[in-house]
Structures are given as structure tokens and as C-alpha cells.
Amino acid sequence: MKEAEKSLDPQLWHACAGGMVQMPPVNSKVFYFPQGHAEHAQTNVDLGAHLRVPSFILCRVAQVKFLADPETDEVFARIRLVPLRNSELDCDDG
């Protein structure tokens, strides 16, 4: 594992990120918004050109890594998502 990829202690990460930041727990269901992700990409991404990308995708959180940029100490998280079928949406999940 690269030095920059070492995870931080979650409590330290949250202390640096601030009290308003909430991360989804592993195995929770979330919606992923491809257009929002593309808007933050460092290159121009055209989702409408040739692909039929839905506006949102139901996913399960498979992993959350708490990280920090080694040069700036800015904290960020890498979240691994697993797409689910829309039929797996259960209103009782919260």
C-alpha cells in the first residue's frame, strides 16, 4: 500500500473534517448521482453523448476509507459502492 493510501483513525478524521460531516456506515444503502460526480471531475465528462446513464443509482456501501492528502493534510474519504437493483430498495432501511 502506498504511503498516501494509509487510512486514518476514523475519530481523528472526523475531528479534522468537522461535526457537520457524516459518513454512511458500511452495508448501508445510498444513492449515487453520476452527474454530480462528473461535475467534480478534473476533465470534461459528457454523460449524455453515447451512454444511457440513469440520474441516480441505488448502491450499498462496501467500504469507507478515511484518508488525508499528505501535502495539504486535507481530509477526504474513499467510498466503495456496489450497485443494487432498484427492486432491492426497502423503505424500512431508513
N, C-alpha and C. Protein backbone atom coordinates (compact mmCIF):
# COMPACT_ATOMS: atom_id res chain seq x y z
N MET A 1 0.84 -1.17 0.00
CA MET A 1 0.00 0.00 0.00
C MET A 1 0.89 1.24 0.00
N LYS A 2 0.55 2.23 -0.82
CA LYS A 2 1.31 3.46 -0.88
C LYS A 2 1.17 4.23 0.43
N GLU A 3 2.15 5.06 0.72
CA GLU A 3 2.12 5.87 1.94
C GLU A 3 0.87 6.76 1.97
N ALA A 4 0.50 7.32 0.81
CA ALA A 4 -0.65 8.22 0.74
C ALA A 4 -1.96 7.48 0.94
N GLU A 5 -1.96 6.15 0.82
CA GLU A 5 -3.18 5.37 0.91
C GLU A 5 -3.46 4.85 2.32
N LYS A 6 -2.62 5.14 3.29
CA LYS A 6 -2.85 4.65 4.64
C LYS A 6 -4.06 5.34 5.24
N SER A 7 -4.96 4.55 5.78
CA SER A 7 -6.17 5.08 6.38
C SER A 7 -5.87 5.78 7.70
N LEU A 8 -6.66 6.80 7.98
CA LEU A 8 -6.58 7.49 9.25
C LEU A 8 -7.55 6.87 10.24
N ASP A 9 -7.29 7.08 11.51
CA ASP A 9 -8.23 6.69 12.54
C ASP A 9 -9.54 7.47 12.29
N PRO A 10 -10.69 6.79 12.26
CA PRO A 10 -11.96 7.48 11.98
C PRO A 10 -12.26 8.64 12.94
N GLN A 11 -11.91 8.51 14.21
CA GLN A 11 -12.19 9.59 15.16
C GLN A 11 -11.33 10.81 14.85
N LEU A 12 -10.06 10.60 14.51
CA LEU A 12 -9.18 11.70 14.13
C LEU A 12 -9.68 12.35 12.85
N TRP A 13 -10.08 11.52 11.88
CA TRP A 13 -10.58 12.03 10.61
C TRP A 13 -11.81 12.91 10.85
N HIS A 14 -12.76 12.43 11.66
CA HIS A 14 -13.97 13.21 11.94
C HIS A 14 -13.65 14.51 12.68
N ALA A 15 -12.67 14.49 13.57
CA ALA A 15 -12.27 15.71 14.28
C ALA A 15 -11.73 16.75 13.30
N CYS A 16 -11.00 16.29 12.30
CA CYS A 16 -10.46 17.21 11.28
C CYS A 16 -11.52 17.66 10.29
N ALA A 17 -12.44 16.78 9.95
CA ALA A 17 -13.47 17.08 8.95
C ALA A 17 -14.53 18.03 9.51
N GLY A 18 -14.80 17.94 10.80
CA GLY A 18 -15.81 18.81 11.40
C GLY A 18 -17.07 18.06 11.76
N GLY A 19 -17.83 18.63 12.66
CA GLY A 19 -19.01 17.97 13.20
C GLY A 19 -20.17 17.83 12.23
N MET A 20 -20.19 18.59 11.15
CA MET A 20 -21.30 18.52 10.19
C MET A 20 -21.15 17.37 9.19
N VAL A 21 -19.97 16.75 9.14
CA VAL A 21 -19.71 15.68 8.17
C VAL A 21 -20.20 14.35 8.73
N GLN A 22 -21.02 13.67 7.95
CA GLN A 22 -21.49 12.34 8.33
C GLN A 22 -21.19 11.38 7.19
N MET A 23 -20.62 10.25 7.53
CA MET A 23 -20.31 9.24 6.53
C MET A 23 -21.29 8.08 6.67
N PRO A 24 -21.72 7.50 5.55
CA PRO A 24 -22.64 6.36 5.65
C PRO A 24 -21.91 5.13 6.18
N PRO A 25 -22.56 4.37 7.04
CA PRO A 25 -21.91 3.16 7.55
C PRO A 25 -21.82 2.08 6.46
N VAL A 26 -20.86 1.18 6.62
CA VAL A 26 -20.72 0.05 5.70
C VAL A 26 -22.01 -0.77 5.73
N ASN A 27 -22.40 -1.26 4.59
CA ASN A 27 -23.62 -2.05 4.33
C ASN A 27 -24.89 -1.22 4.29
N SER A 28 -24.80 0.10 4.43
CA SER A 28 -26.00 0.92 4.29
C SER A 28 -26.27 1.15 2.81
N LYS A 29 -27.50 1.51 2.50
CA LYS A 29 -27.90 1.80 1.13
C LYS A 29 -27.88 3.30 0.91
N VAL A 30 -27.31 3.71 -0.23
CA VAL A 30 -27.20 5.12 -0.59
C VAL A 30 -27.52 5.26 -2.08
N PHE A 31 -27.78 6.48 -2.49
CA PHE A 31 -27.94 6.76 -3.91
C PHE A 31 -26.68 7.45 -4.41
N TYR A 32 -26.19 6.98 -5.55
CA TYR A 32 -25.04 7.58 -6.23
C TYR A 32 -25.59 8.41 -7.40
N PHE A 33 -25.09 9.66 -7.53
CA PHE A 33 -25.53 10.55 -8.58
C PHE A 33 -24.38 10.78 -9.56
N PRO A 34 -24.37 10.06 -10.70
CA PRO A 34 -23.25 10.17 -11.65
C PRO A 34 -23.01 11.59 -12.15
N GLN A 35 -24.07 12.37 -12.37
CA GLN A 35 -23.89 13.72 -12.89
C GLN A 35 -23.14 14.58 -11.87
N GLY A 36 -23.48 14.45 -10.59
CA GLY A 36 -22.78 15.20 -9.56
C GLY A 36 -21.32 14.82 -9.48
N HIS A 37 -21.03 13.53 -9.65
CA HIS A 37 -19.65 13.06 -9.66
C HIS A 37 -18.90 13.64 -10.86
N ALA A 38 -19.54 13.63 -12.02
CA ALA A 38 -18.93 14.14 -13.24
C ALA A 38 -18.65 15.65 -13.14
N GLU A 39 -19.51 16.39 -12.44
CA GLU A 39 -19.31 17.83 -12.30
C GLU A 39 -18.04 18.15 -11.50
N HIS A 40 -17.60 17.22 -10.65
CA HIS A 40 -16.40 17.44 -9.85
C HIS A 40 -15.16 16.80 -10.45
N ALA A 41 -15.30 16.15 -11.60
CA ALA A 41 -14.15 15.52 -12.27
C ALA A 41 -13.21 16.60 -12.79
N GLN A 42 -11.95 16.26 -12.90
CA GLN A 42 -10.96 17.23 -13.37
C GLN A 42 -10.93 17.33 -14.89
N THR A 43 -11.68 16.47 -15.57
CA THR A 43 -11.80 16.54 -17.02
C THR A 43 -13.26 16.69 -17.38
N ASN A 44 -13.52 17.08 -18.61
CA ASN A 44 -14.90 17.26 -19.08
C ASN A 44 -15.52 15.89 -19.35
N VAL A 45 -16.63 15.59 -18.70
CA VAL A 45 -17.32 14.31 -18.86
C VAL A 45 -18.71 14.59 -19.43
N ASP A 46 -19.01 13.97 -20.58
CA ASP A 46 -20.32 14.14 -21.21
C ASP A 46 -21.10 12.84 -21.04
N LEU A 47 -22.00 12.81 -20.06
CA LEU A 47 -22.76 11.59 -19.77
C LEU A 47 -23.87 11.34 -20.79
N GLY A 48 -24.27 12.35 -21.52
CA GLY A 48 -25.39 12.20 -22.43
C GLY A 48 -25.01 11.85 -23.85
N ALA A 49 -23.73 11.83 -24.16
CA ALA A 49 -23.29 11.65 -25.54
C ALA A 49 -23.68 10.28 -26.11
N HIS A 50 -23.16 9.21 -25.51
CA HIS A 50 -23.39 7.89 -26.08
C HIS A 50 -23.93 6.89 -25.07
N LEU A 51 -23.90 7.26 -23.82
CA LEU A 51 -24.32 6.34 -22.77
C LEU A 51 -25.70 6.70 -22.25
N ARG A 52 -26.41 5.70 -21.81
CA ARG A 52 -27.69 5.94 -21.14
C ARG A 52 -27.46 5.73 -19.66
N VAL A 53 -27.01 6.78 -19.01
CA VAL A 53 -26.68 6.73 -17.59
C VAL A 53 -27.88 7.24 -16.81
N PRO A 54 -28.37 6.47 -15.85
CA PRO A 54 -29.51 6.95 -15.05
C PRO A 54 -29.10 8.13 -14.18
N SER A 55 -30.07 8.92 -13.75
CA SER A 55 -29.76 10.10 -12.94
C SER A 55 -29.31 9.72 -11.54
N PHE A 56 -29.72 8.56 -11.04
CA PHE A 56 -29.24 8.07 -9.75
C PHE A 56 -29.22 6.55 -9.76
N ILE A 57 -28.33 5.98 -8.93
CA ILE A 57 -28.16 4.53 -8.88
C ILE A 57 -28.16 4.11 -7.42
N LEU A 58 -29.02 3.17 -7.08
CA LEU A 58 -29.06 2.63 -5.72
C LEU A 58 -27.83 1.76 -5.50
N CYS A 59 -27.11 1.99 -4.39
CA CYS A 59 -25.88 1.25 -4.10
C CYS A 59 -25.82 0.86 -2.63
N ARG A 60 -24.97 -0.12 -2.35
CA ARG A 60 -24.63 -0.50 -0.98
C ARG A 60 -23.21 -0.06 -0.72
N VAL A 61 -22.97 0.53 0.45
CA VAL A 61 -21.62 0.96 0.83
C VAL A 61 -20.84 -0.29 1.21
N ALA A 62 -19.78 -0.59 0.46
CA ALA A 62 -18.97 -1.77 0.72
C ALA A 62 -17.75 -1.46 1.58
N GLN A 63 -17.23 -0.22 1.49
CA GLN A 63 -16.03 0.13 2.23
C GLN A 63 -15.94 1.65 2.34
N VAL A 64 -15.46 2.13 3.48
CA VAL A 64 -15.17 3.55 3.67
C VAL A 64 -13.74 3.66 4.18
N LYS A 65 -12.91 4.40 3.46
CA LYS A 65 -11.52 4.64 3.88
C LYS A 65 -11.39 6.12 4.20
N PHE A 66 -10.88 6.41 5.38
CA PHE A 66 -10.67 7.78 5.83
C PHE A 66 -9.22 8.15 5.52
N LEU A 67 -9.03 9.15 4.65
CA LEU A 67 -7.71 9.49 4.14
C LEU A 67 -7.42 10.98 4.30
N ALA A 68 -6.17 11.35 4.11
CA ALA A 68 -5.75 12.76 4.12
C ALA A 68 -4.67 12.95 3.06
N ASP A 69 -4.69 14.10 2.41
CA ASP A 69 -3.67 14.45 1.44
C ASP A 69 -2.37 14.69 2.20
N PRO A 70 -1.28 13.98 1.85
CA PRO A 70 -0.03 14.13 2.61
C PRO A 70 0.62 15.50 2.46
N GLU A 71 0.30 16.23 1.39
CA GLU A 71 0.90 17.55 1.19
C GLU A 71 0.12 18.66 1.87
N THR A 72 -1.22 18.55 1.86
CA THR A 72 -2.05 19.64 2.40
C THR A 72 -2.73 19.28 3.71
N ASP A 73 -2.72 18.01 4.09
CA ASP A 73 -3.43 17.50 5.27
C ASP A 73 -4.95 17.62 5.14
N GLU A 74 -5.45 17.91 3.96
CA GLU A 74 -6.89 17.97 3.75
C GLU A 74 -7.46 16.55 3.81
N VAL A 75 -8.52 16.37 4.60
CA VAL A 75 -9.11 15.05 4.75
C VAL A 75 -10.15 14.79 3.66
N PHE A 76 -10.25 13.54 3.26
CA PHE A 76 -11.26 13.10 2.30
C PHE A 76 -11.53 11.63 2.56
N ALA A 77 -12.57 11.13 1.96
CA ALA A 77 -12.92 9.71 2.13
C ALA A 77 -13.04 9.06 0.76
N ARG A 78 -12.67 7.80 0.71
CA ARG A 78 -12.87 6.99 -0.49
C ARG A 78 -13.93 5.96 -0.11
N ILE A 79 -15.04 6.00 -0.83
CA ILE A 79 -16.17 5.12 -0.52
C ILE A 79 -16.36 4.16 -1.68
N ARG A 80 -16.34 2.87 -1.40
CA ARG A 80 -16.58 1.85 -2.42
C ARG A 80 -18.06 1.51 -2.42
N LEU A 81 -18.70 1.66 -3.58
CA LEU A 81 -20.12 1.40 -3.73
C LEU A 81 -20.35 0.20 -4.62
N VAL A 82 -21.37 -0.59 -4.28
CA VAL A 82 -21.77 -1.74 -5.10
C VAL A 82 -23.18 -1.46 -5.59
N PRO A 83 -23.39 -1.37 -6.90
CA PRO A 83 -24.73 -1.10 -7.41
C PRO A 83 -25.71 -2.21 -7.04
N LEU A 84 -26.95 -1.80 -6.75
CA LEU A 84 -28.03 -2.73 -6.43
C LEU A 84 -29.14 -2.56 -7.44
N ARG A 85 -30.01 -3.56 -7.51
CA ARG A 85 -31.19 -3.42 -8.34
C ARG A 85 -32.18 -2.52 -7.60
N ASN A 86 -32.93 -1.72 -8.33
CA ASN A 86 -33.92 -0.85 -7.70
C ASN A 86 -34.95 -1.64 -6.90
N SER A 87 -35.12 -2.92 -7.24
CA SER A 87 -36.08 -3.76 -6.51
C SER A 87 -35.57 -4.04 -5.10
N GLU A 88 -34.28 -3.77 -4.83
CA GLU A 88 -33.72 -4.02 -3.50
C GLU A 88 -33.92 -2.82 -2.57
N LEU A 89 -34.59 -1.77 -3.06
CA LEU A 89 -34.89 -0.61 -2.22
C LEU A 89 -35.95 -1.00 -1.21
N ASP A 90 -35.63 -0.84 0.07
CA ASP A 90 -36.55 -1.19 1.15
C ASP A 90 -36.72 0.04 2.01
N CYS A 91 -37.93 0.52 2.12
CA CYS A 91 -38.20 1.74 2.88
C CYS A 91 -37.89 1.59 4.35
N ASP A 92 -37.82 0.37 4.87
CA ASP A 92 -37.52 0.15 6.29
C ASP A 92 -36.06 0.36 6.62
N ASP A 93 -35.19 0.52 5.60
CA ASP A 93 -33.76 0.69 5.85
C ASP A 93 -33.42 2.05 6.42
N GLY A 94 -34.32 3.02 6.31
CA GLY A 94 -34.05 4.35 6.83
C GLY A 94 -33.40 5.18 5.78
